[in-house]
C-alpha atoms as a PDB file:
ATOM      1  CA  MET A   1      -2.265 -20.511 -27.588  1.00  0.00           C
ATOM      2  CA  LEU A   2      -4.183 -23.624 -26.567  1.00  0.00           C
ATOM      3  CA  ALA A   3      -0.919 -25.530 -26.129  1.00  0.00           C
ATOM      4  CA  PHE A   4       0.296 -22.820 -23.739  1.00  0.00           C
ATOM      5  CA  LEU A   5      -2.965 -22.975 -21.768  1.00  0.00           C
ATOM      6  CA  TYR A   6      -2.781 -26.779 -21.602  1.00  0.00           C
ATOM      7  CA  ARG A   7       0.788 -26.617 -20.233  1.00  0.00           C
ATOM      8  CA  PHE A   8      -0.258 -23.925 -17.762  1.00  0.00           C
ATOM      9  CA  ALA A   9      -3.207 -26.011 -16.545  1.00  0.00           C
ATOM     10  CA  GLU A  10      -1.184 -29.219 -16.291  1.00  0.00           C
ATOM     11  CA  ARG A  11       1.465 -27.464 -14.242  1.00  0.00           C
ATOM     12  CA  TYR A  12      -0.725 -25.388 -11.912  1.00  0.00           C
ATOM     13  CA  ALA A  13      -3.944 -27.427 -11.471  1.00  0.00           C
ATOM     14  CA  THR A  14      -3.137 -28.500  -7.929  1.00  0.00           C
ATOM     15  CA  GLY A  15      -5.350 -28.641  -4.877  1.00  0.00           C
ATOM     16  CA  ARG A  16      -3.256 -25.930  -3.201  1.00  0.00           C
ATOM     17  CA  ASN A  17      -3.583 -23.495  -6.117  1.00  0.00           C
ATOM     18  CA  ILE A  18      -7.288 -24.173  -6.500  1.00  0.00           C
ATOM     19  CA  LEU A  19      -7.899 -23.549  -2.780  1.00  0.00           C
ATOM     20  CA  ILE A  20      -5.907 -20.308  -2.957  1.00  0.00           C
ATOM     21  CA  GLY A  21      -8.001 -19.246  -5.967  1.00  0.00           C
ATOM     22  CA  LEU A  22     -11.276 -20.107  -4.242  1.00  0.00           C
ATOM     23  CA  GLY A  23     -10.135 -18.158  -1.167  1.00  0.00           C
ATOM     24  CA  LEU A  24      -9.330 -15.166  -3.379  1.00  0.00           C
ATOM     25  CA  ILE A  25     -12.775 -15.409  -4.987  1.00  0.00           C
ATOM     26  CA  VAL A  26     -14.397 -15.211  -1.538  1.00  0.00           C
ATOM     27  CA  PHE A  27     -12.088 -12.316  -0.595  1.00  0.00           C
ATOM     28  CA  PHE A  28     -12.952 -10.388  -3.779  1.00  0.00           C
ATOM     29  CA  ASN A  29     -16.678 -10.921  -3.193  1.00  0.00           C
ATOM     30  CA  ILE A  30     -16.321  -9.365   0.251  1.00  0.00           C
ATOM     31  CA  VAL A  31     -14.214  -6.461  -1.055  1.00  0.00           C
ATOM     32  CA  LEU A  32     -16.443  -5.776  -4.068  1.00  0.00           C
ATOM     33  CA  GLY A  33     -19.509  -5.677  -1.864  1.00  0.00           C
ATOM     34  CA  GLN A  34     -17.969  -3.302   0.670  1.00  0.00           C
ATOM     35  CA  LEU A  35     -15.781  -1.023  -1.445  1.00  0.00           C
ATOM     36  CA  PRO A  36     -18.381   1.757  -1.979  1.00  0.00           C
ATOM     37  CA  ALA A  37     -18.993   1.942   1.783  1.00  0.00           C
ATOM     38  CA  TRP A  38     -15.251   1.979   2.478  1.00  0.00           C
ATOM     39  CA  LEU A  39     -14.878   4.836   0.007  1.00  0.00           C
ATOM     40  CA  GLY A  40     -17.547   6.805   1.867  1.00  0.00           C
ATOM     41  CA  ALA A  41     -20.437   6.296  -0.564  1.00  0.00           C
ATOM     42  CA  PRO A  42     -22.546   3.381   0.693  1.00  0.00           C
ATOM     43  CA  ASP A  43     -25.521   4.339  -1.508  1.00  0.00           C
ATOM     44  CA  ALA A  44     -23.417   5.169  -4.574  1.00  0.00           C
ATOM     45  CA  PHE A  45     -25.344   2.792  -6.840  1.00  0.00           C
ATOM     46  CA  GLY A  46     -28.818   3.526  -5.553  1.00  0.00           C
ATOM     47  CA  SER A  47     -31.426   0.802  -5.407  1.00  0.00           C
ATOM     48  CA  SER A  48     -30.422  -0.693  -8.760  1.00  0.00           C
ATOM     49  CA  GLY A  49     -26.977  -1.788  -7.640  1.00  0.00           C
ATOM     50  CA  PRO A  50     -24.134  -2.273 -10.097  1.00  0.00           C
ATOM     51  CA  PRO A  51     -25.248  -3.574 -13.514  1.00  0.00           C
ATOM     52  CA  ASP A  52     -22.532  -6.249 -13.383  1.00  0.00           C
ATOM     53  CA  LEU A  53     -24.963  -8.265 -11.300  1.00  0.00           C
ATOM     54  CA  TRP A  54     -27.861  -8.036 -13.735  1.00  0.00           C
ATOM     55  CA  TYR A  55     -28.372 -10.962 -16.065  1.00  0.00           C
ATOM     56  CA  SER A  56     -30.070  -9.123 -18.876  1.00  0.00           C
ATOM     57  CA  TYR A  57     -30.662  -5.473 -19.651  1.00  0.00           C
ATOM     58  CA  GLU A  58     -30.712  -2.965 -22.473  1.00  0.00           C
ATOM     59  CA  GLY A  59     -28.639   0.159 -22.972  1.00  0.00           C
ATOM     60  CA  GLU A  60     -31.477   2.471 -21.959  1.00  0.00           C
ATOM     61  CA  ALA A  61     -31.926   0.571 -18.677  1.00  0.00           C
ATOM     62  CA  LEU A  62     -28.220   1.065 -18.039  1.00  0.00           C
ATOM     63  CA  TYR A  63     -28.551   4.831 -18.626  1.00  0.00           C
ATOM     64  CA  THR A  64     -31.598   4.982 -16.380  1.00  0.00           C
ATOM     65  CA  ALA A  65     -29.778   3.163 -13.575  1.00  0.00           C
ATOM     66  CA  ILE A  66     -26.604   5.230 -13.901  1.00  0.00           C
ATOM     67  CA  GLY A  67     -28.761   8.359 -13.894  1.00  0.00           C
ATOM     68  CA  GLN A  68     -30.079   7.315 -10.490  1.00  0.00           C
ATOM     69  CA  TRP A  69     -26.589   6.837  -9.106  1.00  0.00           C
ATOM     70  CA  SER A  70     -24.967   9.614  -7.160  1.00  0.00           C
ATOM     71  CA  GLU A  71     -22.115  11.531  -8.766  1.00  0.00           C
ATOM     72  CA  SER A  72     -19.770   9.595  -6.486  1.00  0.00           C
ATOM     73  CA  GLY A  73     -21.273   6.345  -7.796  1.00  0.00           C
ATOM     74  CA  ARG A  74     -20.389   7.313 -11.355  1.00  0.00           C
ATOM     75  CA  LYS A  75     -16.847   8.034 -10.163  1.00  0.00           C
ATOM     76  CA  ILE A  76     -16.512   4.976  -7.918  1.00  0.00           C
ATOM     77  CA  TYR A  77     -17.697   2.440 -10.496  1.00  0.00           C
ATOM     78  CA  PRO A  78     -14.710   2.819 -12.877  1.00  0.00           C
ATOM     79  CA  LEU A  79     -12.307   2.859  -9.911  1.00  0.00           C
ATOM     80  CA  ASN A  80     -13.950  -0.227  -8.409  1.00  0.00           C
ATOM     81  CA  SER A  81     -13.884  -1.900 -11.811  1.00  0.00           C
ATOM     82  CA  LEU A  82     -10.233  -1.109 -12.432  1.00  0.00           C
ATOM     83  CA  LEU A  83      -8.935  -1.938  -8.966  1.00  0.00           C
ATOM     84  CA  THR A  84     -10.965  -4.956  -7.991  1.00  0.00           C
ATOM     85  CA  ASP A  85     -13.506  -6.264 -10.483  1.00  0.00           C
ATOM     86  CA  ASN A  86     -11.027  -6.788 -13.305  1.00  0.00           C
ATOM     87  CA  LEU A  87      -8.672  -8.639 -10.942  1.00  0.00           C
ATOM     88  CA  TYR A  88     -11.651 -10.623  -9.709  1.00  0.00           C
ATOM     89  CA  ALA A  89     -12.502 -11.688 -13.268  1.00  0.00           C
ATOM     90  CA  LEU A  90      -8.915 -12.805 -13.867  1.00  0.00           C
ATOM     91  CA  THR A  91      -8.914 -14.667 -10.546  1.00  0.00           C
ATOM     92  CA  TYR A  92     -12.139 -16.573 -11.170  1.00  0.00           C
ATOM     93  CA  GLY A  93     -11.214 -17.261 -14.804  1.00  0.00           C
ATOM     94  CA  VAL A  94      -7.897 -18.857 -13.861  1.00  0.00           C
ATOM     95  CA  THR A  95      -9.284 -20.594 -10.760  1.00  0.00           C
ATOM     96  CA  TYR A  96     -12.157 -22.221 -12.667  1.00  0.00           C
ATOM     97  CA  LEU A  97      -9.803 -23.200 -15.483  1.00  0.00           C
ATOM     98  CA  LEU A  98      -7.540 -24.957 -12.935  1.00  0.00           C
ATOM     99  CA  LEU A  99     -10.474 -26.497 -11.050  1.00  0.00           C
ATOM    100  CA  LEU A 100     -12.067 -27.854 -14.216  1.00  0.00           C
ATOM    101  CA  TRP A 101      -8.721 -29.136 -15.537  1.00  0.00           C
ATOM    102  CA  TRP A 102      -8.036 -30.922 -12.243  1.00  0.00           C
ATOM    103  CA  LEU A 103     -11.551 -32.359 -12.112  1.00  0.00           C
ATOM    104  CA  TYR A 104     -11.617 -33.618 -15.700  1.00  0.00           C
ATOM    105  CA  SER A 105      -8.076 -34.983 -15.589  1.00  0.00           C
ATOM    106  CA  LYS A 106      -9.176 -37.078 -12.576  1.00  0.00           C
ATOM    107  CA  SER A 107     -12.601 -38.095 -13.868  1.00  0.00           C
ATOM    108  CA  LEU A 108     -11.897 -38.563 -17.611  1.00  0.00           C
ATOM    109  CA  PRO A 109      -8.120 -38.958 -17.949  1.00  0.00           C
ATOM    110  CA  ASP A 110      -8.301 -40.919 -21.220  1.00  0.00           C
ATOM    111  CA  LYS A 111     -10.661 -38.507 -22.952  1.00  0.00           C
ATOM    112  CA  LYS A 112      -9.453 -35.354 -24.652  1.00  0.00           C
ATOM    113  CA  TRP A 113     -12.677 -33.667 -25.847  1.00  0.00           C
ATOM    114  CA  TRP A 114     -12.944 -31.622 -22.657  1.00  0.00           C
ATOM    115  CA  LYS A 115      -9.561 -29.870 -22.874  1.00  0.00           C
ATOM    116  CA  PRO A 116     -10.473 -26.893 -25.069  1.00  0.00           C
ATOM    117  CA  TRP A 117     -13.748 -26.342 -23.205  1.00  0.00           C
ATOM    118  CA  VAL A 118     -12.237 -26.224 -19.732  1.00  0.00           C
ATOM    119  CA  VAL A 119      -9.543 -23.733 -20.730  1.00  0.00           C
ATOM    120  CA  ILE A 120     -11.507 -21.501 -23.095  1.00  0.00           C
ATOM    121  CA  LEU A 121     -14.880 -21.149 -21.361  1.00  0.00           C
ATOM    122  CA  PRO A 122     -13.647 -19.758 -17.998  1.00  0.00           C
ATOM    123  CA  LEU A 123     -11.266 -17.345 -19.730  1.00  0.00           C
ATOM    124  CA  PHE A 124     -13.941 -16.284 -22.224  1.00  0.00           C
ATOM    125  CA  THR A 125     -16.281 -15.588 -19.304  1.00  0.00           C
ATOM    126  CA  ALA A 126     -13.621 -13.478 -17.572  1.00  0.00           C
ATOM    127  CA  PHE A 127     -12.911 -11.613 -20.822  1.00  0.00           C
ATOM    128  CA  MET A 128     -16.602 -10.792 -21.260  1.00  0.00           C
ATOM    129  CA  ASP A 129     -16.626  -9.507 -17.664  1.00  0.00           C
ATOM    130  CA  TRP A 130     -13.753  -7.165 -18.591  1.00  0.00           C
ATOM    131  CA  VAL A 131     -15.604  -5.972 -21.697  1.00  0.00           C
ATOM    132  CA  GLU A 132     -18.682  -5.317 -19.581  1.00  0.00           C
ATOM    133  CA  ASN A 133     -16.653  -3.451 -16.929  1.00  0.00           C
ATOM    134  CA  PHE A 134     -14.928  -1.245 -19.481  1.00  0.00           C
ATOM    135  CA  SER A 135     -18.204  -0.587 -21.300  1.00  0.00           C
ATOM    136  CA  ILE A 136     -20.032   0.466 -18.146  1.00  0.00           C
ATOM    137  CA  SER A 137     -17.037   2.581 -17.104  1.00  0.00           C
ATOM    138  CA  LYS A 138     -17.193   4.316 -20.486  1.00  0.00           C
ATOM    139  CA  VAL A 139     -20.881   5.072 -19.931  1.00  0.00           C
ATOM    140  CA  CYS A 140     -20.058   6.486 -16.474  1.00  0.00           C
ATOM    141  CA  ALA A 141     -17.302   8.660 -17.940  1.00  0.00           C
ATOM    142  CA  THR A 142     -19.492  10.115 -20.683  1.00  0.00           C
ATOM    143  CA  TYR A 143     -22.806  10.311 -18.785  1.00  0.00           C
ATOM    144  CA  PRO A 144     -25.258  11.928 -19.618  1.00  0.00           C
ATOM    145  CA  ASN A 145     -24.025  11.717 -23.217  1.00  0.00           C
ATOM    146  CA  HIS A 146     -24.608   8.428 -24.972  1.00  0.00           C
ATOM    147  CA  SER A 147     -21.724   6.019 -25.459  1.00  0.00           C
ATOM    148  CA  ILE A 148     -21.093   2.837 -27.452  1.00  0.00           C
ATOM    149  CA  GLY A 149     -20.533   1.246 -24.035  1.00  0.00           C
ATOM    150  CA  ALA A 150     -24.289   1.248 -23.477  1.00  0.00           C
ATOM    151  CA  GLU A 151     -24.747  -0.959 -26.535  1.00  0.00           C
ATOM    152  CA  LEU A 152     -21.798  -3.237 -25.793  1.00  0.00           C
ATOM    153  CA  ALA A 153     -22.303  -3.766 -22.036  1.00  0.00           C
ATOM    154  CA  PRO A 154     -25.615  -5.699 -22.302  1.00  0.00           C
ATOM    155  CA  TRP A 155     -24.138  -8.132 -24.837  1.00  0.00           C
ATOM    156  CA  ALA A 156     -20.990  -8.636 -22.782  1.00  0.00           C
ATOM    157  CA  SER A 157     -23.089  -9.176 -19.658  1.00  0.00           C
ATOM    158  CA  TRP A 158     -25.308 -11.725 -21.387  1.00  0.00           C
ATOM    159  CA  LEU A 159     -22.265 -13.609 -22.710  1.00  0.00           C
ATOM    160  CA  LYS A 160     -20.578 -13.427 -19.289  1.00  0.00           C
ATOM    161  CA  TRP A 161     -23.554 -14.894 -17.445  1.00  0.00           C
ATOM    162  CA  ASN A 162     -24.120 -17.600 -20.040  1.00  0.00           C
ATOM    163  CA  GLY A 163     -20.411 -18.426 -19.922  1.00  0.00           C
ATOM    164  CA  ALA A 164     -20.692 -18.694 -16.141  1.00  0.00           C
ATOM    165  CA  ALA A 165     -23.647 -21.065 -16.574  1.00  0.00           C
ATOM    166  CA  GLY A 166     -21.516 -23.125 -18.992  1.00  0.00           C
ATOM    167  CA  VAL A 167     -18.690 -23.272 -16.439  1.00  0.00           C
ATOM    168  CA  LEU A 168     -21.180 -24.428 -13.789  1.00  0.00           C
ATOM    169  CA  LEU A 169     -22.527 -27.084 -16.164  1.00  0.00           C
ATOM    170  CA  LEU A 170     -18.987 -28.329 -16.907  1.00  0.00           C
ATOM    171  CA  LEU A 171     -18.310 -28.409 -13.175  1.00  0.00           C
ATOM    172  CA  LEU A 172     -21.433 -30.468 -12.481  1.00  0.00           C
ATOM    173  CA  LEU A 173     -20.712 -32.853 -15.372  1.00  0.00           C
ATOM    174  CA  GLY A 174     -17.133 -33.292 -14.180  1.00  0.00           C
ATOM    175  CA  LEU A 175     -18.275 -33.952 -10.620  1.00  0.00           C
ATOM    176  CA  GLY A 176     -20.824 -36.445 -11.921  1.00  0.00           C
ATOM    177  CA  ALA A 177     -18.160 -38.238 -13.980  1.00  0.00           C
ATOM    178  CA  LEU A 178     -15.860 -38.320 -10.940  1.00  0.00           C
ATOM    179  CA  VAL A 179     -18.568 -39.764  -8.688  1.00  0.00           C
ATOM    180  CA  VAL A 180     -19.614 -42.363 -11.279  1.00  0.00           C
ATOM    181  CA  GLY A 181     -15.962 -43.302 -11.792  1.00  0.00           C
ATOM    182  CA  LYS A 182     -15.444 -43.754  -8.036  1.00  0.00           C
ATOM    183  CA  VAL A 183     -18.613 -45.857  -7.684  1.00  0.00           C
ATOM    184  CA  LYS A 184     -17.559 -48.272 -10.426  1.00  0.00           C
END
């Protein structure tokens, strides 16, 4: 599997593909933020907003928040998750994989330690986003009854956000290595 990901990254880590991916990330952020309003339910998620944006929470906090959502919010969330948020996770996972591969292949071409990290961490982060989305959707579908999704979603969210922090750290380290390499 890693060999496939390495070949994929080597082939597609181009400036053009990275810019397309970054443009899609911006597009998805706009769509995700506006979709409830476009579907006629601007206050669907109440004051808490979607739990995808919370760094840390517990299952009971998720139930409390979903209980404050409108009925349309509990219906829109799984639709929003399926149509846009899961594609968004795939888009940012692949885009950050390509960006990190490009950056590290330019800044540390003779080193190989970075290869598994730059392909696994962005995809792991995207996968945890999917797990979180499906878990929260399960809670919405079974609300007010309890669901295993309420126990799984907080863990997936925590892993997603820490994975995103790891991707950011790799990005900063790669940029630092590139700048230091250019200065020398």
